[in-house]
Amino acid sequence: MDRTKLGGLILLCFVVVLGVSLVLSIFISFQFCANQQNQILALNKQKDDLQQQLQSLQREYDNYETTHSHSNNEFNSLDFSYDSYLTNHQYTDSAYEEMQFYFYYDKPEQKFGVYELRDEIAGSTWKKPYQEGVFDCSEMSADLERYLENKGWHTEIIVGNSPFGSGYHAWLLIETTAGKYMPVESTTFRVVWWEDLNFDNYFKYDRSFETIQDALAWSETEFDWWK
């Protein structure tokens, strides 16, 4: 094959390749445009849907506003009813106090017996350490009083001069026989027995409190063991 024919063949191949490339480029561009057009159509549809939803919500709001509108007289009537409710549902301090301690005592069937009392508190210890003015004999007495009352023991909180001569003190008296009481040292969970040299002094005191409410009425800060 001479050089002239070879050159023509090469030129023909080049033209063919160029034509194919041009066709592919046009096809790819067309596909890209088609995809772009599809995305635009999809976005337009989403926009139309959102507009329809907004219009539907607006109609619902307008309908609600129409059906739930109140005149000034109706509003005044509602205000009067609200004020009347507040007036008729005021609670006294004693009612609030009663509600506050409604679940404080469980009050099961009363227990009796000195040795049964000893066994009830045997082995007990305080999880919180003794701290004067924070968690001392008065808070401990109030805490133990609640525990024993909820176990069935009729218990009184006692305050007065210390039976063993160490300043002002708080302890408990527990009814172990009908009308008869035994002292308990709250700080140590100890029943004070008859042979104790200071036994009689535990019945010489300034005040006794039947309930935690009575104790708090005398001193709000001495018996609040939960704080």
C-alpha atoms as a PDB file:
ATOM      1  CA  MET A   1       0.000   0.000   0.000  1.00  0.00           C
ATOM      2  CA  ASP A   2       1.482   3.353  -0.999  1.00  0.00           C
ATOM      3  CA  ARG A   3       1.815   6.251   1.300  1.00  0.00           C
ATOM      4  CA  THR A   4      -1.098   8.134  -0.215  1.00  0.00           C
ATOM      5  CA  LYS A   5      -3.597   5.383   0.544  1.00  0.00           C
ATOM      6  CA  LEU A   6      -2.162   4.874   4.037  1.00  0.00           C
ATOM      7  CA  GLY A   7      -2.536   8.546   4.797  1.00  0.00           C
ATOM      8  CA  GLY A   8      -6.112   8.566   3.561  1.00  0.00           C
ATOM      9  CA  LEU A   9      -6.950   5.569   5.725  1.00  0.00           C
ATOM     10  CA  ILE A  10      -5.501   7.217   8.792  1.00  0.00           C
ATOM     11  CA  LEU A  11      -7.459  10.385   8.085  1.00  0.00           C
ATOM     12  CA  LEU A  12     -10.639   8.362   7.672  1.00  0.00           C
ATOM     13  CA  CYS A  13     -10.122   6.636  11.001  1.00  0.00           C
ATOM     14  CA  PHE A  14      -9.524   9.956  12.709  1.00  0.00           C
ATOM     15  CA  VAL A  15     -12.726  11.367  11.257  1.00  0.00           C
ATOM     16  CA  VAL A  16     -14.681   8.317  12.395  1.00  0.00           C
ATOM     17  CA  VAL A  17     -13.291   8.516  15.940  1.00  0.00           C
ATOM     18  CA  LEU A  18     -14.026  12.222  16.075  1.00  0.00           C
ATOM     19  CA  GLY A  19     -17.597  11.641  14.908  1.00  0.00           C
ATOM     20  CA  VAL A  20     -18.194   8.927  17.476  1.00  0.00           C
ATOM     21  CA  SER A  21     -16.806  11.170  20.243  1.00  0.00           C
ATOM     22  CA  LEU A  22     -19.074  13.989  19.158  1.00  0.00           C
ATOM     23  CA  VAL A  23     -22.114  11.708  19.164  1.00  0.00           C
ATOM     24  CA  LEU A  24     -21.266  10.392  22.660  1.00  0.00           C
ATOM     25  CA  SER A  25     -20.751  13.922  23.964  1.00  0.00           C
ATOM     26  CA  ILE A  26     -24.142  14.995  22.611  1.00  0.00           C
ATOM     27  CA  PHE A  27     -25.800  11.897  24.135  1.00  0.00           C
ATOM     28  CA  ILE A  28     -24.228  12.478  27.576  1.00  0.00           C
ATOM     29  CA  SER A  29     -25.228  16.152  27.504  1.00  0.00           C
ATOM     30  CA  PHE A  30     -28.780  15.152  26.620  1.00  0.00           C
ATOM     31  CA  GLN A  31     -28.909  12.649  29.518  1.00  0.00           C
ATOM     32  CA  PHE A  32     -27.587  15.274  31.929  1.00  0.00           C
ATOM     33  CA  CYS A  33     -30.201  17.769  30.789  1.00  0.00           C
ATOM     34  CA  ALA A  34     -32.891  15.132  31.107  1.00  0.00           C
ATOM     35  CA  ASN A  35     -31.802  14.338  34.694  1.00  0.00           C
ATOM     36  CA  GLN A  36     -31.755  18.015  35.578  1.00  0.00           C
ATOM     37  CA  GLN A  37     -35.218  18.416  34.139  1.00  0.00           C
ATOM     38  CA  ASN A  38     -36.493  15.454  36.185  1.00  0.00           C
ATOM     39  CA  GLN A  39     -35.044  16.949  39.392  1.00  0.00           C
ATOM     40  CA  ILE A  40     -36.670  20.288  38.643  1.00  0.00           C
ATOM     41  CA  LEU A  41     -40.024  18.583  38.063  1.00  0.00           C
ATOM     42  CA  ALA A  42     -39.679  16.648  41.339  1.00  0.00           C
ATOM     43  CA  LEU A  43     -38.851  19.832  43.293  1.00  0.00           C
ATOM     44  CA  ASN A  44     -41.782  21.645  41.724  1.00  0.00           C
ATOM     45  CA  LYS A  45     -44.079  18.807  42.777  1.00  0.00           C
ATOM     46  CA  GLN A  46     -42.776  18.970  46.364  1.00  0.00           C
ATOM     47  CA  LYS A  47     -43.363  22.718  46.367  1.00  0.00           C
ATOM     48  CA  ASP A  48     -46.937  22.246  45.138  1.00  0.00           C
ATOM     49  CA  ASP A  49     -47.578  19.603  47.813  1.00  0.00           C
ATOM     50  CA  LEU A  50     -46.270  21.890  50.563  1.00  0.00           C
ATOM     51  CA  GLN A  51     -48.407  24.758  49.331  1.00  0.00           C
ATOM     52  CA  GLN A  52     -51.462  22.509  49.437  1.00  0.00           C
ATOM     53  CA  GLN A  53     -50.624  21.426  52.992  1.00  0.00           C
ATOM     54  CA  LEU A  54     -50.188  25.045  54.082  1.00  0.00           C
ATOM     55  CA  GLN A  55     -53.513  25.970  52.551  1.00  0.00           C
ATOM     56  CA  SER A  56     -55.174  23.025  54.311  1.00  0.00           C
ATOM     57  CA  LEU A  57     -53.669  24.071  57.665  1.00  0.00           C
ATOM     58  CA  GLN A  58     -54.779  27.649  57.127  1.00  0.00           C
ATOM     59  CA  ARG A  59     -58.337  26.469  56.497  1.00  0.00           C
ATOM     60  CA  GLU A  60     -58.275  24.352  59.669  1.00  0.00           C
ATOM     61  CA  TYR A  61     -56.943  27.291  61.699  1.00  0.00           C
ATOM     62  CA  ASP A  62     -59.581  29.651  60.303  1.00  0.00           C
ATOM     63  CA  ASN A  63     -62.290  27.106  61.073  1.00  0.00           C
ATOM     64  CA  TYR A  64     -60.969  26.595  64.648  1.00  0.00           C
ATOM     65  CA  GLU A  65     -60.796  30.339  65.253  1.00  0.00           C
ATOM     66  CA  THR A  66     -64.365  30.732  64.021  1.00  0.00           C
ATOM     67  CA  THR A  67     -65.822  27.896  66.110  1.00  0.00           C
ATOM     68  CA  HIS A  68     -63.825  28.664  69.296  1.00  0.00           C
ATOM     69  CA  SER A  69     -64.122  32.408  69.496  1.00  0.00           C
ATOM     70  CA  HIS A  70     -65.513  33.890  72.712  1.00  0.00           C
ATOM     71  CA  SER A  71     -67.150  37.199  73.320  1.00  0.00           C
ATOM     72  CA  ASN A  72     -65.905  39.553  76.021  1.00  0.00           C
ATOM     73  CA  ASN A  73     -68.831  38.508  78.193  1.00  0.00           C
ATOM     74  CA  GLU A  74     -67.794  34.865  77.887  1.00  0.00           C
ATOM     75  CA  PHE A  75     -64.205  35.693  78.801  1.00  0.00           C
ATOM     76  CA  ASN A  76     -65.407  37.681  81.810  1.00  0.00           C
ATOM     77  CA  SER A  77     -67.556  34.733  82.841  1.00  0.00           C
ATOM     78  CA  LEU A  78     -64.558  32.378  82.601  1.00  0.00           C
ATOM     79  CA  ASP A  79     -62.420  34.754  84.674  1.00  0.00           C
ATOM     80  CA  PHE A  80     -65.140  34.945  87.312  1.00  0.00           C
ATOM     81  CA  SER A  81     -65.385  31.143  87.455  1.00  0.00           C
ATOM     82  CA  TYR A  82     -61.596  30.844  87.840  1.00  0.00           C
ATOM     83  CA  ASP A  83     -61.466  33.444  90.631  1.00  0.00           C
ATOM     84  CA  SER A  84     -64.379  31.742  92.349  1.00  0.00           C
ATOM     85  CA  TYR A  85     -62.584  28.381  92.181  1.00  0.00           C
ATOM     86  CA  LEU A  86     -59.459  29.848  93.764  1.00  0.00           C
ATOM     87  CA  THR A  87     -61.504  31.470  96.513  1.00  0.00           C
ATOM     88  CA  ASN A  88     -63.414  28.286  97.350  1.00  0.00           C
ATOM     89  CA  HIS A  89     -60.299  26.070  97.318  1.00  0.00           C
ATOM     90  CA  GLN A  90     -58.044  27.963  99.690  1.00  0.00           C
ATOM     91  CA  TYR A  91     -56.491  25.792 102.388  1.00  0.00           C
ATOM     92  CA  THR A  92     -55.632  26.803 105.915  1.00  0.00           C
ATOM     93  CA  ASP A  93     -52.121  26.285 107.288  1.00  0.00           C
ATOM     94  CA  SER A  94     -53.358  23.350 109.357  1.00  0.00           C
ATOM     95  CA  ALA A  95     -54.892  21.716 106.280  1.00  0.00           C
ATOM     96  CA  TYR A  96     -51.620  22.078 104.346  1.00  0.00           C
ATOM     97  CA  GLU A  97     -49.709  20.653 107.312  1.00  0.00           C
ATOM     98  CA  GLU A  98     -52.111  17.715 107.575  1.00  0.00           C
ATOM     99  CA  MET A  99     -51.702  16.958 103.873  1.00  0.00           C
ATOM    100  CA  GLN A 100     -47.910  17.274 104.111  1.00  0.00           C
ATOM    101  CA  PHE A 101     -47.698  14.538 106.763  1.00  0.00           C
ATOM    102  CA  TYR A 102     -50.596  12.429 105.495  1.00  0.00           C
ATOM    103  CA  PHE A 103     -48.302   9.481 104.698  1.00  0.00           C
ATOM    104  CA  TYR A 104     -45.821  10.100 107.529  1.00  0.00           C
ATOM    105  CA  TYR A 105     -47.380   7.539 109.864  1.00  0.00           C
ATOM    106  CA  ASP A 106     -48.660   4.111 108.888  1.00  0.00           C
ATOM    107  CA  LYS A 107     -50.187   3.281 112.286  1.00  0.00           C
ATOM    108  CA  PRO A 108     -50.345  -0.533 112.326  1.00  0.00           C
ATOM    109  CA  GLU A 109     -51.684  -2.527 115.279  1.00  0.00           C
ATOM    110  CA  GLN A 110     -49.977  -1.441 118.499  1.00  0.00           C
ATOM    111  CA  LYS A 111     -47.196  -3.588 119.912  1.00  0.00           C
ATOM    112  CA  PHE A 112     -46.294  -4.125 123.562  1.00  0.00           C
ATOM    113  CA  GLY A 113     -43.448  -5.698 125.513  1.00  0.00           C
ATOM    114  CA  VAL A 114     -40.128  -4.394 126.825  1.00  0.00           C
ATOM    115  CA  TYR A 115     -38.078  -7.234 125.418  1.00  0.00           C
ATOM    116  CA  GLU A 116     -39.942  -7.105 122.139  1.00  0.00           C
ATOM    117  CA  LEU A 117     -38.978  -3.417 121.956  1.00  0.00           C
ATOM    118  CA  ARG A 118     -35.363  -4.327 122.676  1.00  0.00           C
ATOM    119  CA  ASP A 119     -35.409  -6.857 119.859  1.00  0.00           C
ATOM    120  CA  GLU A 120     -37.050  -4.334 117.512  1.00  0.00           C
ATOM    121  CA  ILE A 121     -34.118  -1.933 117.681  1.00  0.00           C
ATOM    122  CA  ALA A 122     -31.300  -4.385 118.412  1.00  0.00           C
ATOM    123  CA  GLY A 123     -28.424  -4.063 115.970  1.00  0.00           C
ATOM    124  CA  SER A 124     -29.654  -0.762 114.514  1.00  0.00           C
ATOM    125  CA  THR A 125     -27.114   1.900 113.613  1.00  0.00           C
ATOM    126  CA  TRP A 126     -27.277   5.381 112.127  1.00  0.00           C
ATOM    127  CA  LYS A 127     -26.182   5.758 108.520  1.00  0.00           C
ATOM    128  CA  LYS A 128     -25.615   9.488 109.065  1.00  0.00           C
ATOM    129  CA  PRO A 129     -22.990  10.438 111.648  1.00  0.00           C
ATOM    130  CA  TYR A 130     -23.891  12.428 114.736  1.00  0.00           C
ATOM    131  CA  GLN A 131     -23.402  16.147 114.063  1.00  0.00           C
ATOM    132  CA  GLU A 132     -24.436  18.666 116.673  1.00  0.00           C
ATOM    133  CA  GLY A 133     -26.979  21.180 115.381  1.00  0.00           C
ATOM    134  CA  VAL A 134     -27.455  19.213 112.156  1.00  0.00           C
ATOM    135  CA  PHE A 135     -28.215  15.598 113.022  1.00  0.00           C
ATOM    136  CA  ASP A 136     -28.071  15.184 116.771  1.00  0.00           C
ATOM    137  CA  CYS A 137     -30.277  13.805 119.539  1.00  0.00           C
ATOM    138  CA  SER A 138     -33.383  15.766 118.496  1.00  0.00           C
ATOM    139  CA  GLU A 139     -33.284  14.771 114.802  1.00  0.00           C
ATOM    140  CA  MET A 140     -32.390  11.205 115.760  1.00  0.00           C
ATOM    141  CA  SER A 141     -35.315  11.065 118.197  1.00  0.00           C
ATOM    142  CA  ALA A 142     -37.738  12.343 115.538  1.00  0.00           C
ATOM    143  CA  ASP A 143     -36.419   9.868 112.978  1.00  0.00           C
ATOM    144  CA  LEU A 144     -36.562   6.896 115.355  1.00  0.00           C
ATOM    145  CA  GLU A 145     -40.020   7.976 116.573  1.00  0.00           C
ATOM    146  CA  ARG A 146     -41.386   7.672 113.042  1.00  0.00           C
ATOM    147  CA  TYR A 147     -39.716   4.279 112.558  1.00  0.00           C
ATOM    148  CA  LEU A 148     -41.153   2.860 115.791  1.00  0.00           C
ATOM    149  CA  GLU A 149     -44.631   4.335 115.212  1.00  0.00           C
ATOM    150  CA  ASN A 150     -44.745   2.687 111.802  1.00  0.00           C
ATOM    151  CA  LYS A 151     -43.695  -0.600 113.413  1.00  0.00           C
ATOM    152  CA  GLY A 152     -46.608  -0.380 115.862  1.00  0.00           C
ATOM    153  CA  TRP A 153     -45.011   1.226 118.923  1.00  0.00           C
ATOM    154  CA  HIS A 154     -46.757   4.178 120.587  1.00  0.00           C
ATOM    155  CA  THR A 155     -43.836   6.605 120.915  1.00  0.00           C
ATOM    156  CA  GLU A 156     -43.399  10.113 122.332  1.00  0.00           C
ATOM    157  CA  ILE A 157     -40.534  12.522 121.681  1.00  0.00           C
ATOM    158  CA  ILE A 158     -39.181  13.982 124.917  1.00  0.00           C
ATOM    159  CA  VAL A 159     -37.002  17.064 125.520  1.00  0.00           C
ATOM    160  CA  GLY A 160     -35.529  18.368 128.751  1.00  0.00           C
ATOM    161  CA  ASN A 161     -32.387  18.445 130.818  1.00  0.00           C
ATOM    162  CA  SER A 162     -30.257  15.400 130.156  1.00  0.00           C
ATOM    163  CA  PRO A 163     -31.059  12.529 132.552  1.00  0.00           C
ATOM    164  CA  PHE A 164     -27.318  11.946 132.916  1.00  0.00           C
ATOM    165  CA  GLY A 165     -26.355  15.621 133.298  1.00  0.00           C
ATOM    166  CA  SER A 166     -24.911  16.661 129.909  1.00  0.00           C
ATOM    167  CA  GLY A 167     -27.035  19.696 129.027  1.00  0.00           C
ATOM    168  CA  TYR A 168     -30.315  19.791 127.090  1.00  0.00           C
ATOM    169  CA  HIS A 169     -31.300  16.495 125.514  1.00  0.00           C
ATOM    170  CA  ALA A 170     -33.943  14.635 123.494  1.00  0.00           C
ATOM    171  CA  TRP A 171     -34.982  11.004 123.867  1.00  0.00           C
ATOM    172  CA  LEU A 172     -38.035   8.741 123.490  1.00  0.00           C
ATOM    173  CA  LEU A 173     -40.613   7.188 125.763  1.00  0.00           C
ATOM    174  CA  ILE A 174     -42.281   4.064 124.350  1.00  0.00           C
ATOM    175  CA  GLU A 175     -45.461   2.521 125.731  1.00  0.00           C
ATOM    176  CA  THR A 176     -44.503  -1.106 126.425  1.00  0.00           C
ATOM    177  CA  THR A 177     -47.463  -1.899 128.686  1.00  0.00           C
ATOM    178  CA  ALA A 178     -50.822  -0.097 128.702  1.00  0.00           C
ATOM    179  CA  GLY A 179     -50.087   3.249 130.332  1.00  0.00           C
ATOM    180  CA  LYS A 180     -46.451   2.419 131.151  1.00  0.00           C
ATOM    181  CA  TYR A 181     -43.403   3.606 129.243  1.00  0.00           C
ATOM    182  CA  MET A 182     -39.745   2.719 128.796  1.00  0.00           C
ATOM    183  CA  PRO A 183     -37.043   5.249 127.848  1.00  0.00           C
ATOM    184  CA  VAL A 184     -34.957   4.770 124.720  1.00  0.00           C
ATOM    185  CA  GLU A 185     -31.745   6.634 123.940  1.00  0.00           C
ATOM    186  CA  SER A 186     -32.166   7.531 120.270  1.00  0.00           C
ATOM    187  CA  THR A 187     -28.502   8.274 119.629  1.00  0.00           C
ATOM    188  CA  THR A 188     -27.491   4.697 120.511  1.00  0.00           C
ATOM    189  CA  PHE A 189     -30.732   2.700 119.989  1.00  0.00           C
ATOM    190  CA  ARG A 190     -30.559   1.687 123.650  1.00  0.00           C
ATOM    191  CA  VAL A 191     -33.430   0.739 125.938  1.00  0.00           C
ATOM    192  CA  VAL A 192     -32.805   2.285 129.361  1.00  0.00           C
ATOM    193  CA  TRP A 193     -33.426  -0.465 131.899  1.00  0.00           C
ATOM    194  CA  TRP A 194     -34.882  -0.140 135.389  1.00  0.00           C
ATOM    195  CA  GLU A 195     -31.520  -0.738 137.095  1.00  0.00           C
ATOM    196  CA  ASP A 196     -29.939   2.235 135.295  1.00  0.00           C
ATOM    197  CA  LEU A 197     -28.874   4.831 137.882  1.00  0.00           C
ATOM    198  CA  ASN A 198     -30.541   7.607 135.861  1.00  0.00           C
ATOM    199  CA  PHE A 199     -33.721   5.679 135.014  1.00  0.00           C
ATOM    200  CA  ASP A 200     -36.057   7.924 137.009  1.00  0.00           C
ATOM    201  CA  ASN A 201     -34.544  11.053 135.450  1.00  0.00           C
ATOM    202  CA  TYR A 202     -35.912  10.049 132.038  1.00  0.00           C
ATOM    203  CA  PHE A 203     -39.402  10.799 133.353  1.00  0.00           C
ATOM    204  CA  LYS A 204     -38.434  14.319 134.426  1.00  0.00           C
ATOM    205  CA  TYR A 205     -38.654  16.494 131.345  1.00  0.00           C
ATOM    206  CA  ASP A 206     -39.871  19.806 129.987  1.00  0.00           C
ATOM    207  CA  ARG A 207     -41.951  18.761 126.984  1.00  0.00           C
ATOM    208  CA  SER A 208     -43.343  15.688 125.254  1.00  0.00           C
ATOM    209  CA  PHE A 209     -44.557  15.518 121.660  1.00  0.00           C
ATOM    210  CA  GLU A 210     -47.089  12.974 120.479  1.00  0.00           C
ATOM    211  CA  THR A 211     -46.453  13.595 116.766  1.00  0.00           C
ATOM    212  CA  ILE A 212     -43.834  15.142 114.508  1.00  0.00           C
ATOM    213  CA  GLN A 213     -46.270  18.004 113.861  1.00  0.00           C
ATOM    214  CA  ASP A 214     -46.287  18.809 117.583  1.00  0.00           C
ATOM    215  CA  ALA A 215     -42.504  18.774 117.681  1.00  0.00           C
ATOM    216  CA  LEU A 216     -42.169  21.018 114.612  1.00  0.00           C
ATOM    217  CA  ALA A 217     -44.691  23.457 116.063  1.00  0.00           C
ATOM    218  CA  TRP A 218     -42.341  23.879 119.039  1.00  0.00           C
ATOM    219  CA  SER A 219     -39.163  24.057 116.910  1.00  0.00           C
ATOM    220  CA  GLU A 220     -39.102  23.945 113.109  1.00  0.00           C
ATOM    221  CA  THR A 221     -35.371  23.207 112.909  1.00  0.00           C
ATOM    222  CA  GLU A 222     -34.679  20.781 115.766  1.00  0.00           C
ATOM    223  CA  PHE A 223     -36.664  17.798 114.507  1.00  0.00           C
ATOM    224  CA  ASP A 224     -36.479  18.043 110.698  1.00  0.00           C
ATOM    225  CA  TRP A 225     -34.360  14.895 110.335  1.00  0.00           C
ATOM    226  CA  TRP A 226     -35.039  14.645 106.569  1.00  0.00           C
ATOM    227  CA  LYS A 227     -33.140  17.854 105.754  1.00  0.00           C
END
